[in-house]
PDB file of N, CA and C in Angstrom:
ATOM      1  N   UNK A   1       0.846  -1.179   0.000  1.00  0.00           N
ATOM      2  CA  UNK A   1       0.000   0.000   0.000  1.00  0.00           C
ATOM      3  C   UNK A   1       0.889   1.239   0.000  1.00  0.00           C
ATOM      4  N   UNK A   2       0.522   2.197  -0.819  1.00  0.00           N
ATOM      5  CA  UNK A   2       1.264   3.437  -0.923  1.00  0.00           C
ATOM      6  C   UNK A   2       0.577   4.489  -0.071  1.00  0.00           C
ATOM      7  N   UNK A   3       1.317   5.059   0.863  1.00  0.00           N
ATOM      8  CA  UNK A   3       0.758   6.056   1.766  1.00  0.00           C
ATOM      9  C   UNK A   3       1.767   7.171   1.981  1.00  0.00           C
ATOM     10  N   UNK A   4       1.348   8.216   2.678  1.00  0.00           N
ATOM     11  CA  UNK A   4       2.264   9.291   3.030  1.00  0.00           C
ATOM     12  C   UNK A   4       3.265   8.751   4.042  1.00  0.00           C
ATOM     13  N   UNK A   5       4.531   8.875   3.723  1.00  0.00           N
ATOM     14  CA  UNK A   5       5.596   8.351   4.574  1.00  0.00           C
ATOM     15  C   UNK A   5       6.430   9.499   5.125  1.00  0.00           C
ATOM     16  N   UNK A   6       6.867   9.346   6.353  1.00  0.00           N
ATOM     17  CA  UNK A   6       7.840  10.275   6.916  1.00  0.00           C
ATOM     18  C   UNK A   6       9.199   9.939   6.334  1.00  0.00           C
ATOM     19  N   UNK A   7       9.974  10.919   5.902  1.00  0.00           N
ATOM     20  CA  UNK A   7      11.309  10.613   5.392  1.00  0.00           C
ATOM     21  C   UNK A   7      12.240  10.208   6.526  1.00  0.00           C
ATOM     22  N   UNK A   8      12.987   9.150   6.295  1.00  0.00           N
ATOM     23  CA  UNK A   8      13.962   8.657   7.263  1.00  0.00           C
ATOM     24  C   UNK A   8      15.296   8.536   6.528  1.00  0.00           C
ATOM     25  N   UNK A   9      16.301   9.250   6.997  1.00  0.00           N
ATOM     26  CA  UNK A   9      17.614   9.219   6.349  1.00  0.00           C
ATOM     27  C   UNK A   9      18.142   7.784   6.354  1.00  0.00           C
ATOM     28  N   UNK A  10      18.569   7.327   5.186  1.00  0.00           N
ATOM     29  CA  UNK A  10      19.101   5.987   5.025  1.00  0.00           C
ATOM     30  C   UNK A  10      18.068   4.948   4.634  1.00  0.00           C
ATOM     31  N   UNK A  11      16.790   5.310   4.675  1.00  0.00           N
ATOM     32  CA  UNK A  11      15.722   4.360   4.348  1.00  0.00           C
ATOM     33  C   UNK A  11      15.463   4.344   2.842  1.00  0.00           C
ATOM     34  N   UNK A  12      15.095   3.162   2.346  1.00  0.00           N
ATOM     35  CA  UNK A  12      14.719   2.980   0.947  1.00  0.00           C
ATOM     36  C   UNK A  12      13.207   3.029   0.813  1.00  0.00           C
ATOM     37  N   UNK A  13      12.748   3.617  -0.275  1.00  0.00           N
ATOM     38  CA  UNK A  13      11.325   3.720  -0.587  1.00  0.00           C
ATOM     39  C   UNK A  13      11.132   3.306  -2.035  1.00  0.00           C
ATOM     40  N   UNK A  14       9.925   2.897  -2.359  1.00  0.00           N
ATOM     41  CA  UNK A  14       9.570   2.623  -3.745  1.00  0.00           C
ATOM     42  C   UNK A  14       8.317   3.445  -4.055  1.00  0.00           C
ATOM     43  N   UNK A  15       8.303   4.069  -5.251  1.00  0.00           N
ATOM     44  CA  UNK A  15       7.124   4.848  -5.607  1.00  0.00           C
ATOM     45  C   UNK A  15       6.162   4.001  -6.427  1.00  0.00           C
ATOM     46  N   UNK A  16       5.059   4.575  -6.809  1.00  0.00           N
ATOM     47  CA  UNK A  16       3.999   3.845  -7.506  1.00  0.00           C
ATOM     48  C   UNK A  16       4.470   3.256  -8.836  1.00  0.00           C
ATOM     49  N   UNK A  17       5.452   3.898  -9.480  1.00  0.00           N
ATOM     50  CA  UNK A  17       5.945   3.378 -10.757  1.00  0.00           C
ATOM     51  C   UNK A  17       7.060   2.351 -10.578  1.00  0.00           C
ATOM     52  N   UNK A  18       7.417   2.060  -9.335  1.00  0.00           N
ATOM     53  CA  UNK A  18       8.414   1.030  -9.065  1.00  0.00           C
ATOM     54  C   UNK A  18       9.838   1.530  -8.936  1.00  0.00           C
ATOM     55  N   UNK A  19      10.044   2.844  -8.973  1.00  0.00           N
ATOM     56  CA  UNK A  19      11.391   3.382  -8.820  1.00  0.00           C
ATOM     57  C   UNK A  19      11.810   3.338  -7.353  1.00  0.00           C
ATOM     58  N   UNK A  20      13.016   2.803  -7.129  1.00  0.00           N
ATOM     59  CA  UNK A  20      13.581   2.785  -5.783  1.00  0.00           C
ATOM     60  C   UNK A  20      14.317   4.085  -5.530  1.00  0.00           C
ATOM     61  N   UNK A  21      14.196   4.591  -4.314  1.00  0.00           N
ATOM     62  CA  UNK A  21      14.904   5.804  -3.927  1.00  0.00           C
ATOM     63  C   UNK A  21      15.307   5.701  -2.464  1.00  0.00           C
ATOM     64  N   UNK A  22      16.406   6.364  -2.152  1.00  0.00           N
ATOM     65  CA  UNK A  22      16.921   6.363  -0.790  1.00  0.00           C
ATOM     66  C   UNK A  22      17.019   7.800  -0.312  1.00  0.00           C
ATOM     67  N   UNK A  23      16.599   8.035   0.925  1.00  0.00           N
ATOM     68  CA  UNK A  23      16.747   9.366   1.516  1.00  0.00           C
ATOM     69  C   UNK A  23      18.200   9.518   1.946  1.00  0.00           C
ATOM     70  N   UNK A  24      18.897  10.468   1.327  1.00  0.00           N
ATOM     71  CA  UNK A  24      20.313  10.689   1.629  1.00  0.00           C
ATOM     72  C   UNK A  24      20.491  11.676   2.774  1.00  0.00           C
ATOM     73  N   UNK A  25      19.707  12.745   2.785  1.00  0.00           N
ATOM     74  CA  UNK A  25      19.774  13.694   3.885  1.00  0.00           C
ATOM     75  C   UNK A  25      18.539  14.566   3.895  1.00  0.00           C
ATOM     76  N   UNK A  26      18.351  15.228   5.022  1.00  0.00           N
ATOM     77  CA  UNK A  26      17.234  16.151   5.174  1.00  0.00           C
ATOM     78  C   UNK A  26      17.776  17.499   5.602  1.00  0.00           C
ATOM     79  N   UNK A  27      17.195  18.568   5.073  1.00  0.00           N
ATOM     80  CA  UNK A  27      17.546  19.930   5.479  1.00  0.00           C
ATOM     81  C   UNK A  27      16.463  20.419   6.434  1.00  0.00           C
ATOM     82  N   UNK A  28      16.906  21.048   7.497  1.00  0.00           N
ATOM     83  CA  UNK A  28      15.996  21.534   8.535  1.00  0.00           C
ATOM     84  C   UNK A  28      16.094  23.058   8.629  1.00  0.00           C
ATOM     85  N   UNK A  29      14.988  23.667   8.994  1.00  0.00           N
ATOM     86  CA  UNK A  29      14.955  25.103   9.232  1.00  0.00           C
ATOM     87  C   UNK A  29      14.045  25.354  10.412  1.00  0.00           C
ATOM     88  N   UNK A  30      14.563  26.021  11.392  1.00  0.00           N
ATOM     89  CA  UNK A  30      13.800  26.306  12.617  1.00  0.00           C
ATOM     90  C   UNK A  30      13.224  25.022  13.227  1.00  0.00           C
ATOM     91  N   UNK A  31      14.041  23.988  13.260  1.00  0.00           N
ATOM     92  CA  UNK A  31      13.707  22.683  13.828  1.00  0.00           C
ATOM     93  C   UNK A  31      12.546  21.986  13.118  1.00  0.00           C
ATOM     94  N   UNK A  32      12.290  22.377  11.875  1.00  0.00           N
ATOM     95  CA  UNK A  32      11.257  21.741  11.055  1.00  0.00           C
ATOM     96  C   UNK A  32      11.922  21.234   9.774  1.00  0.00           C
ATOM     97  N   UNK A  33      11.539  20.043   9.293  1.00  0.00           N
ATOM     98  CA  UNK A  33      12.122  19.572   8.026  1.00  0.00           C
ATOM     99  C   UNK A  33      11.686  20.482   6.879  1.00  0.00           C
ATOM    100  N   UNK A  34      12.672  20.854   6.040  1.00  0.00           N
ATOM    101  CA  UNK A  34      12.386  21.769   4.941  1.00  0.00           C
ATOM    102  C   UNK A  34      12.449  21.071   3.583  1.00  0.00           C
ATOM    103  N   UNK A  35      13.447  20.186   3.407  1.00  0.00           N
ATOM    104  CA  UNK A  35      13.582  19.482   2.134  1.00  0.00           C
ATOM    105  C   UNK A  35      14.301  18.162   2.349  1.00  0.00           C
ATOM    106  N   UNK A  36      14.211  17.316   1.318  1.00  0.00           N
ATOM    107  CA  UNK A  36      14.776  15.972   1.371  1.00  0.00           C
ATOM    108  C   UNK A  36      15.616  15.754   0.112  1.00  0.00           C
ATOM    109  N   UNK A  37      16.831  15.248   0.297  1.00  0.00           N
ATOM    110  CA  UNK A  37      17.665  14.842  -0.835  1.00  0.00           C
ATOM    111  C   UNK A  37      17.457  13.353  -1.028  1.00  0.00           C
ATOM    112  N   UNK A  38      16.951  12.989  -2.205  1.00  0.00           N
ATOM    113  CA  UNK A  38      16.736  11.577  -2.504  1.00  0.00           C
ATOM    114  C   UNK A  38      17.675  11.152  -3.624  1.00  0.00           C
ATOM    115  N   UNK A  39      18.072   9.898  -3.564  1.00  0.00           N
ATOM    116  CA  UNK A  39      18.920   9.340  -4.605  1.00  0.00           C
ATOM    117  C   UNK A  39      18.237   8.095  -5.151  1.00  0.00           C
ATOM    118  N   UNK A  40      18.097   8.062  -6.480  1.00  0.00           N
ATOM    119  CA  UNK A  40      17.477   6.915  -7.120  1.00  0.00           C
ATOM    120  C   UNK A  40      18.506   5.809  -7.304  1.00  0.00           C
ATOM    121  N   UNK A  41      18.057   4.629  -7.579  1.00  0.00           N
ATOM    122  CA  UNK A  41      18.918   3.473  -7.743  1.00  0.00           C
ATOM    123  C   UNK A  41      19.961   3.687  -8.839  1.00  0.00           C
ATOM    124  N   UNK A  42      19.613   4.471  -9.864  1.00  0.00           N
ATOM    125  CA  UNK A  42      20.550   4.727 -10.964  1.00  0.00           C
ATOM    126  C   UNK A  42      21.583   5.808 -10.640  1.00  0.00           C
ATOM    127  N   UNK A  43      21.521   6.377  -9.430  1.00  0.00           N
ATOM    128  CA  UNK A  43      22.493   7.381  -9.003  1.00  0.00           C
ATOM    129  C   UNK A  43      22.031   8.817  -9.149  1.00  0.00           C
ATOM    130  N   UNK A  44      20.940   9.054  -9.878  1.00  0.00           N
ATOM    131  CA  UNK A  44      20.413  10.415 -10.001  1.00  0.00           C
ATOM    132  C   UNK A  44      19.903  10.887  -8.651  1.00  0.00           C
ATOM    133  N   UNK A  45      20.126  12.170  -8.393  1.00  0.00           N
ATOM    134  CA  UNK A  45      19.686  12.762  -7.129  1.00  0.00           C
ATOM    135  C   UNK A  45      18.712  13.893  -7.400  1.00  0.00           C
ATOM    136  N   UNK A  46      17.856  14.120  -6.408  1.00  0.00           N
ATOM    137  CA  UNK A  46      16.867  15.179  -6.529  1.00  0.00           C
ATOM    138  C   UNK A  46      16.571  15.725  -5.140  1.00  0.00           C
ATOM    139  N   UNK A  47      16.348  17.022  -5.068  1.00  0.00           N
ATOM    140  CA  UNK A  47      15.935  17.659  -3.821  1.00  0.00           C
ATOM    141  C   UNK A  47      14.462  18.001  -3.963  1.00  0.00           C
ATOM    142  N   UNK A  48      13.677  17.591  -2.994  1.00  0.00           N
ATOM    143  CA  UNK A  48      12.244  17.903  -2.997  1.00  0.00           C
ATOM    144  C   UNK A  48      11.885  18.578  -1.681  1.00  0.00           C
ATOM    145  N   UNK A  49      10.984  19.555  -1.761  1.00  0.00           N
ATOM    146  CA  UNK A  49      10.534  20.171  -0.518  1.00  0.00           C
ATOM    147  C   UNK A  49       9.540  19.241   0.165  1.00  0.00           C
ATOM    148  N   UNK A  50       9.167  19.554   1.364  1.00  0.00           N
ATOM    149  CA  UNK A  50       8.322  18.650   2.147  1.00  0.00           C
ATOM    150  C   UNK A  50       6.932  18.492   1.535  1.00  0.00           C
ATOM    151  N   UNK A  51       6.400  19.542   0.936  1.00  0.00           N
ATOM    152  CA  UNK A  51       5.094  19.402   0.280  1.00  0.00           C
ATOM    153  C   UNK A  51       5.170  18.395  -0.855  1.00  0.00           C
ATOM    154  N   UNK A  52       6.226  18.468  -1.647  1.00  0.00           N
ATOM    155  CA  UNK A  52       6.402  17.516  -2.749  1.00  0.00           C
ATOM    156  C   UNK A  52       6.623  16.110  -2.201  1.00  0.00           C
ATOM    157  N   UNK A  53       7.400  15.995  -1.124  1.00  0.00           N
ATOM    158  CA  UNK A  53       7.652  14.678  -0.525  1.00  0.00           C
ATOM    159  C   UNK A  53       6.332  14.016  -0.128  1.00  0.00           C
ATOM    160  N   UNK A  54       5.483  14.771   0.572  1.00  0.00           N
ATOM    161  CA  UNK A  54       4.232  14.182   1.052  1.00  0.00           C
ATOM    162  C   UNK A  54       3.240  13.903  -0.070  1.00  0.00           C
ATOM    163  N   UNK A  55       3.443  14.493  -1.248  1.00  0.00           N
ATOM    164  CA  UNK A  55       2.550  14.193  -2.367  1.00  0.00           C
ATOM    165  C   UNK A  55       2.975  12.927  -3.110  1.00  0.00           C
ATOM    166  N   UNK A  56       4.199  12.451  -2.847  1.00  0.00           N
ATOM    167  CA  UNK A  56       4.658  11.202  -3.470  1.00  0.00           C
ATOM    168  C   UNK A  56       3.919  10.016  -2.860  1.00  0.00           C
ATOM    169  N   UNK A  57       3.607   9.047  -3.667  1.00  0.00           N
ATOM    170  CA  UNK A  57       2.987   7.822  -3.170  1.00  0.00           C
ATOM    171  C   UNK A  57       4.108   6.811  -2.982  1.00  0.00           C
ATOM    172  N   UNK A  58       4.521   6.617  -1.735  1.00  0.00           N
ATOM    173  CA  UNK A  58       5.684   5.795  -1.428  1.00  0.00           C
ATOM    174  C   UNK A  58       5.331   4.658  -0.483  1.00  0.00           C
ATOM    175  N   UNK A  59       6.167   3.648  -0.528  1.00  0.00           N
ATOM    176  CA  UNK A  59       6.056   2.542   0.413  1.00  0.00           C
ATOM    177  C   UNK A  59       7.447   2.217   0.924  1.00  0.00           C
ATOM    178  N   UNK A  60       7.569   1.952   2.218  1.00  0.00           N
ATOM    179  CA  UNK A  60       8.832   1.465   2.779  1.00  0.00           C
ATOM    180  C   UNK A  60       8.838  -0.046   2.824  1.00  0.00           C
ATOM    181  N   UNK A  61       7.680  -0.663   2.697  1.00  0.00           N
ATOM    182  CA  UNK A  61       7.589  -2.115   2.655  1.00  0.00           C
ATOM    183  C   UNK A  61       7.798  -2.531   1.212  1.00  0.00           C
ATOM    184  N   UNK A  62       9.040  -2.812   0.837  1.00  0.00           N
ATOM    185  CA  UNK A  62       9.365  -3.059  -0.562  1.00  0.00           C
ATOM    186  C   UNK A  62       8.707  -4.323  -1.107  1.00  0.00           C
ATOM    187  N   UNK A  63       8.551  -5.350  -0.285  1.00  0.00           N
ATOM    188  CA  UNK A  63       7.902  -6.578  -0.753  1.00  0.00           C
ATOM    189  C   UNK A  63       6.433  -6.332  -1.053  1.00  0.00           C
ATOM    190  N   UNK A  64       5.752  -5.627  -0.172  1.00  0.00           N
ATOM    191  CA  UNK A  64       4.338  -5.333  -0.389  1.00  0.00           C
ATOM    192  C   UNK A  64       4.156  -4.423  -1.607  1.00  0.00           C
ATOM    193  N   UNK A  65       5.039  -3.445  -1.773  1.00  0.00           N
ATOM    194  CA  UNK A  65       4.956  -2.549  -2.926  1.00  0.00           C
ATOM    195  C   UNK A  65       5.165  -3.318  -4.221  1.00  0.00           C
ATOM    196  N   UNK A  66       6.112  -4.242  -4.224  1.00  0.00           N
ATOM    197  CA  UNK A  66       6.364  -5.052  -5.422  1.00  0.00           C
ATOM    198  C   UNK A  66       5.137  -5.873  -5.788  1.00  0.00           C
ATOM    199  N   UNK A  67       4.477  -6.461  -4.806  1.00  0.00           N
ATOM    200  CA  UNK A  67       3.250  -7.226  -5.080  1.00  0.00           C
ATOM    201  C   UNK A  67       2.173  -6.329  -5.667  1.00  0.00           C
ATOM    202  N   UNK A  68       2.023  -5.121  -5.114  1.00  0.00           N
ATOM    203  CA  UNK A  68       1.016  -4.183  -5.620  1.00  0.00           C
ATOM    204  C   UNK A  68       1.296  -3.815  -7.069  1.00  0.00           C
ATOM    205  N   UNK A  69       2.571  -3.575  -7.389  1.00  0.00           N
ATOM    206  CA  UNK A  69       2.922  -3.222  -8.761  1.00  0.00           C
ATOM    207  C   UNK A  69       2.669  -4.372  -9.726  1.00  0.00           C
ATOM    208  N   UNK A  70       2.920  -5.581  -9.293  1.00  0.00           N
ATOM    209  CA  UNK A  70       2.709  -6.743 -10.153  1.00  0.00           C
ATOM    210  C   UNK A  70       1.228  -6.999 -10.424  1.00  0.00           C
ATOM    211  N   UNK A  71       0.361  -6.617  -9.501  1.00  0.00           N
ATOM    212  CA  UNK A  71      -1.074  -6.842  -9.658  1.00  0.00           C
ATOM    213  C   UNK A  71      -1.726  -5.829 -10.570  1.00  0.00           C
ATOM    214  N   UNK A  72      -1.039  -4.755 -10.914  1.00  0.00           N
ATOM    215  CA  UNK A  72      -1.639  -3.709 -11.766  1.00  0.00           C
ATOM    216  C   UNK A  72      -1.677  -4.136 -13.204  1.00  0.00           C
TER     217      UNK A  72
END
């Protein structure tokens, strides 16, 4: 199941299209998370703000996400 996930540095996530990504670091401002640096399996990196992060459909349960993708 794909739901809103809290970013955890070092954790792997899979999105609805099956792309794996890892949270490399988080930027904080005034003790609040501001943005997330993610790295895809192919090495590409992207910085997303927290609004964009929460709009992603992600799963940390990679086995369950894989089953969901296969059933589509």
